[in-house]
């Protein structure tokens, strides 16, 4: 593929976690830099293609991965607890579902 210049730099997050909006490079300049620092330059060897920039967006930090994993584990634990509680005979929800109270229970005739 040919490089014609005027490449856009997409938004990015720097190493400090600060968000930077995307910007356009002028004609005959390219988006250069790394995943965490971008600038316009004239050297096509330093070119950071839009595909490479999008790949940077997919590379999550270890903190983000840990947060996502924790949320998934918590969600699975909650769902499993609720499902088990409806299936285990010693659980309150199971007893309520299988032994519903009728209006006449507890009333003496």
C-alpha atoms as a PDB file:
ATOM      1  CA  UNK A   1       0.000   0.000   0.000  1.00  0.00           C
ATOM      2  CA  UNK A   2       1.220   3.485  -0.762  1.00  0.00           C
ATOM      3  CA  UNK A   3       1.556   6.161   1.879  1.00  0.00           C
ATOM      4  CA  UNK A   4       0.269   9.526   0.739  1.00  0.00           C
ATOM      5  CA  UNK A   5       0.511  11.510   3.935  1.00  0.00           C
ATOM      6  CA  UNK A   6      -2.279  13.322   5.698  1.00  0.00           C
ATOM      7  CA  UNK A   7      -2.690  10.345   8.013  1.00  0.00           C
ATOM      8  CA  UNK A   8      -4.858  10.802  11.107  1.00  0.00           C
ATOM      9  CA  UNK A   9      -3.709  10.117  14.631  1.00  0.00           C
ATOM     10  CA  UNK A  10      -6.502   8.374  16.525  1.00  0.00           C
ATOM     11  CA  UNK A  11      -7.300   9.107  20.181  1.00  0.00           C
ATOM     12  CA  UNK A  12      -5.035   7.428  22.688  1.00  0.00           C
ATOM     13  CA  UNK A  13      -4.245   7.082  26.377  1.00  0.00           C
ATOM     14  CA  UNK A  14      -0.725   7.951  27.489  1.00  0.00           C
ATOM     15  CA  UNK A  15       1.346   6.048  30.070  1.00  0.00           C
ATOM     16  CA  UNK A  16      -0.096   8.232  32.861  1.00  0.00           C
ATOM     17  CA  UNK A  17      -3.631   7.237  31.897  1.00  0.00           C
ATOM     18  CA  UNK A  18      -4.496  10.637  30.406  1.00  0.00           C
ATOM     19  CA  UNK A  19      -6.810  10.644  27.387  1.00  0.00           C
ATOM     20  CA  UNK A  20      -5.754  12.551  24.254  1.00  0.00           C
ATOM     21  CA  UNK A  21      -8.176  13.287  21.405  1.00  0.00           C
ATOM     22  CA  UNK A  22      -7.348  12.337  17.844  1.00  0.00           C
ATOM     23  CA  UNK A  23      -5.925  14.879  15.425  1.00  0.00           C
ATOM     24  CA  UNK A  24      -5.212  15.247  11.713  1.00  0.00           C
ATOM     25  CA  UNK A  25      -1.741  15.524  10.288  1.00  0.00           C
ATOM     26  CA  UNK A  26      -1.121  17.923   7.434  1.00  0.00           C
ATOM     27  CA  UNK A  27      -0.527  16.743   3.887  1.00  0.00           C
ATOM     28  CA  UNK A  28       2.840  14.983   3.450  1.00  0.00           C
ATOM     29  CA  UNK A  29       3.071  14.287   7.184  1.00  0.00           C
ATOM     30  CA  UNK A  30       2.230  11.096   8.984  1.00  0.00           C
ATOM     31  CA  UNK A  31       1.039   9.972  12.376  1.00  0.00           C
ATOM     32  CA  UNK A  32       4.170   8.793  14.156  1.00  0.00           C
ATOM     33  CA  UNK A  33       5.057   7.634  17.632  1.00  0.00           C
ATOM     34  CA  UNK A  34       3.937   4.816  19.871  1.00  0.00           C
ATOM     35  CA  UNK A  35       0.732   3.559  21.435  1.00  0.00           C
ATOM     36  CA  UNK A  36       1.216   6.034  24.300  1.00  0.00           C
ATOM     37  CA  UNK A  37       2.602   9.085  22.486  1.00  0.00           C
ATOM     38  CA  UNK A  38       1.643  10.330  19.025  1.00  0.00           C
ATOM     39  CA  UNK A  39       2.767  13.213  16.868  1.00  0.00           C
ATOM     40  CA  UNK A  40       2.958  14.214  13.198  1.00  0.00           C
ATOM     41  CA  UNK A  41       6.229  13.731  11.323  1.00  0.00           C
ATOM     42  CA  UNK A  42       7.550  13.584   7.765  1.00  0.00           C
ATOM     43  CA  UNK A  43       9.511  10.328   8.114  1.00  0.00           C
ATOM     44  CA  UNK A  44       7.484   7.463   6.572  1.00  0.00           C
ATOM     45  CA  UNK A  45       9.680   4.964   8.447  1.00  0.00           C
ATOM     46  CA  UNK A  46       8.185   6.195  11.735  1.00  0.00           C
ATOM     47  CA  UNK A  47       4.630   5.898  10.398  1.00  0.00           C
ATOM     48  CA  UNK A  48       2.069   4.537  12.846  1.00  0.00           C
ATOM     49  CA  UNK A  49      -0.742   3.260  10.625  1.00  0.00           C
ATOM     50  CA  UNK A  50      -4.382   3.460  11.674  1.00  0.00           C
ATOM     51  CA  UNK A  51      -4.389  -0.338  11.896  1.00  0.00           C
ATOM     52  CA  UNK A  52      -1.470  -0.238  14.341  1.00  0.00           C
ATOM     53  CA  UNK A  53      -3.222   2.513  16.312  1.00  0.00           C
ATOM     54  CA  UNK A  54      -6.417   0.448  16.571  1.00  0.00           C
ATOM     55  CA  UNK A  55      -4.328  -2.498  17.793  1.00  0.00           C
ATOM     56  CA  UNK A  56      -3.038  -0.232  20.584  1.00  0.00           C
ATOM     57  CA  UNK A  57      -6.623   0.349  21.714  1.00  0.00           C
ATOM     58  CA  UNK A  58      -7.101  -3.411  22.170  1.00  0.00           C
ATOM     59  CA  UNK A  59      -4.044  -3.798  24.381  1.00  0.00           C
ATOM     60  CA  UNK A  60      -5.534  -3.441  27.867  1.00  0.00           C
ATOM     61  CA  UNK A  61      -3.431  -2.675  30.900  1.00  0.00           C
ATOM     62  CA  UNK A  62      -3.060  -5.355  33.588  1.00  0.00           C
ATOM     63  CA  UNK A  63      -5.306  -3.291  35.911  1.00  0.00           C
ATOM     64  CA  UNK A  64      -8.068  -3.227  33.307  1.00  0.00           C
ATOM     65  CA  UNK A  65      -7.798  -6.966  32.704  1.00  0.00           C
ATOM     66  CA  UNK A  66      -7.899  -7.631  36.464  1.00  0.00           C
ATOM     67  CA  UNK A  67     -10.985  -5.430  36.815  1.00  0.00           C
ATOM     68  CA  UNK A  68     -12.804  -7.168  33.982  1.00  0.00           C
ATOM     69  CA  UNK A  69     -11.874 -10.599  35.344  1.00  0.00           C
ATOM     70  CA  UNK A  70     -13.096  -9.643  38.832  1.00  0.00           C
ATOM     71  CA  UNK A  71     -16.420  -8.425  37.454  1.00  0.00           C
ATOM     72  CA  UNK A  72     -16.921 -11.629  35.466  1.00  0.00           C
ATOM     73  CA  UNK A  73     -16.095 -13.827  38.479  1.00  0.00           C
ATOM     74  CA  UNK A  74     -18.463 -11.828  40.705  1.00  0.00           C
ATOM     75  CA  UNK A  75     -21.273 -12.077  38.135  1.00  0.00           C
ATOM     76  CA  UNK A  76     -20.799 -15.858  37.803  1.00  0.00           C
ATOM     77  CA  UNK A  77     -20.753 -16.251  41.596  1.00  0.00           C
ATOM     78  CA  UNK A  78     -24.010 -14.327  41.995  1.00  0.00           C
ATOM     79  CA  UNK A  79     -25.787 -16.242  39.209  1.00  0.00           C
ATOM     80  CA  UNK A  80     -24.507 -19.581  40.545  1.00  0.00           C
ATOM     81  CA  UNK A  81     -25.669 -18.736  44.065  1.00  0.00           C
ATOM     82  CA  UNK A  82     -29.149 -17.805  42.876  1.00  0.00           C
ATOM     83  CA  UNK A  83     -29.485 -20.923  40.708  1.00  0.00           C
ATOM     84  CA  UNK A  84     -28.234 -23.178  43.507  1.00  0.00           C
ATOM     85  CA  UNK A  85     -30.571 -21.540  45.989  1.00  0.00           C
ATOM     86  CA  UNK A  86     -33.558 -22.443  43.822  1.00  0.00           C
ATOM     87  CA  UNK A  87     -32.347 -26.061  43.551  1.00  0.00           C
ATOM     88  CA  UNK A  88     -31.138 -26.811  47.094  1.00  0.00           C
ATOM     89  CA  UNK A  89     -33.880 -28.045  49.423  1.00  0.00           C
ATOM     90  CA  UNK A  90     -32.306 -26.404  52.468  1.00  0.00           C
ATOM     91  CA  UNK A  91     -32.432 -22.937  50.917  1.00  0.00           C
ATOM     92  CA  UNK A  92     -35.193 -20.441  51.725  1.00  0.00           C
ATOM     93  CA  UNK A  93     -35.970 -19.671  48.058  1.00  0.00           C
ATOM     94  CA  UNK A  94     -36.377 -23.381  47.293  1.00  0.00           C
ATOM     95  CA  UNK A  95     -38.743 -23.850  50.220  1.00  0.00           C
ATOM     96  CA  UNK A  96     -40.824 -20.825  49.208  1.00  0.00           C
ATOM     97  CA  UNK A  97     -41.108 -22.126  45.653  1.00  0.00           C
ATOM     98  CA  UNK A  98     -42.035 -25.718  46.559  1.00  0.00           C
ATOM     99  CA  UNK A  99     -44.127 -25.081  49.666  1.00  0.00           C
ATOM    100  CA  UNK A 100     -46.143 -21.934  49.005  1.00  0.00           C
ATOM    101  CA  UNK A 101     -48.293 -20.747  51.864  1.00  0.00           C
ATOM    102  CA  UNK A 102     -52.008 -20.791  51.269  1.00  0.00           C
ATOM    103  CA  UNK A 103     -54.318 -18.206  52.851  1.00  0.00           C
ATOM    104  CA  UNK A 104     -55.907 -20.947  55.014  1.00  0.00           C
ATOM    105  CA  UNK A 105     -52.607 -22.127  56.523  1.00  0.00           C
ATOM    106  CA  UNK A 106     -52.215 -21.076  60.101  1.00  0.00           C
ATOM    107  CA  UNK A 107     -55.893 -20.184  60.442  1.00  0.00           C
ATOM    108  CA  UNK A 108     -57.807 -22.423  62.854  1.00  0.00           C
ATOM    109  CA  UNK A 109     -61.293 -23.538  61.845  1.00  0.00           C
END
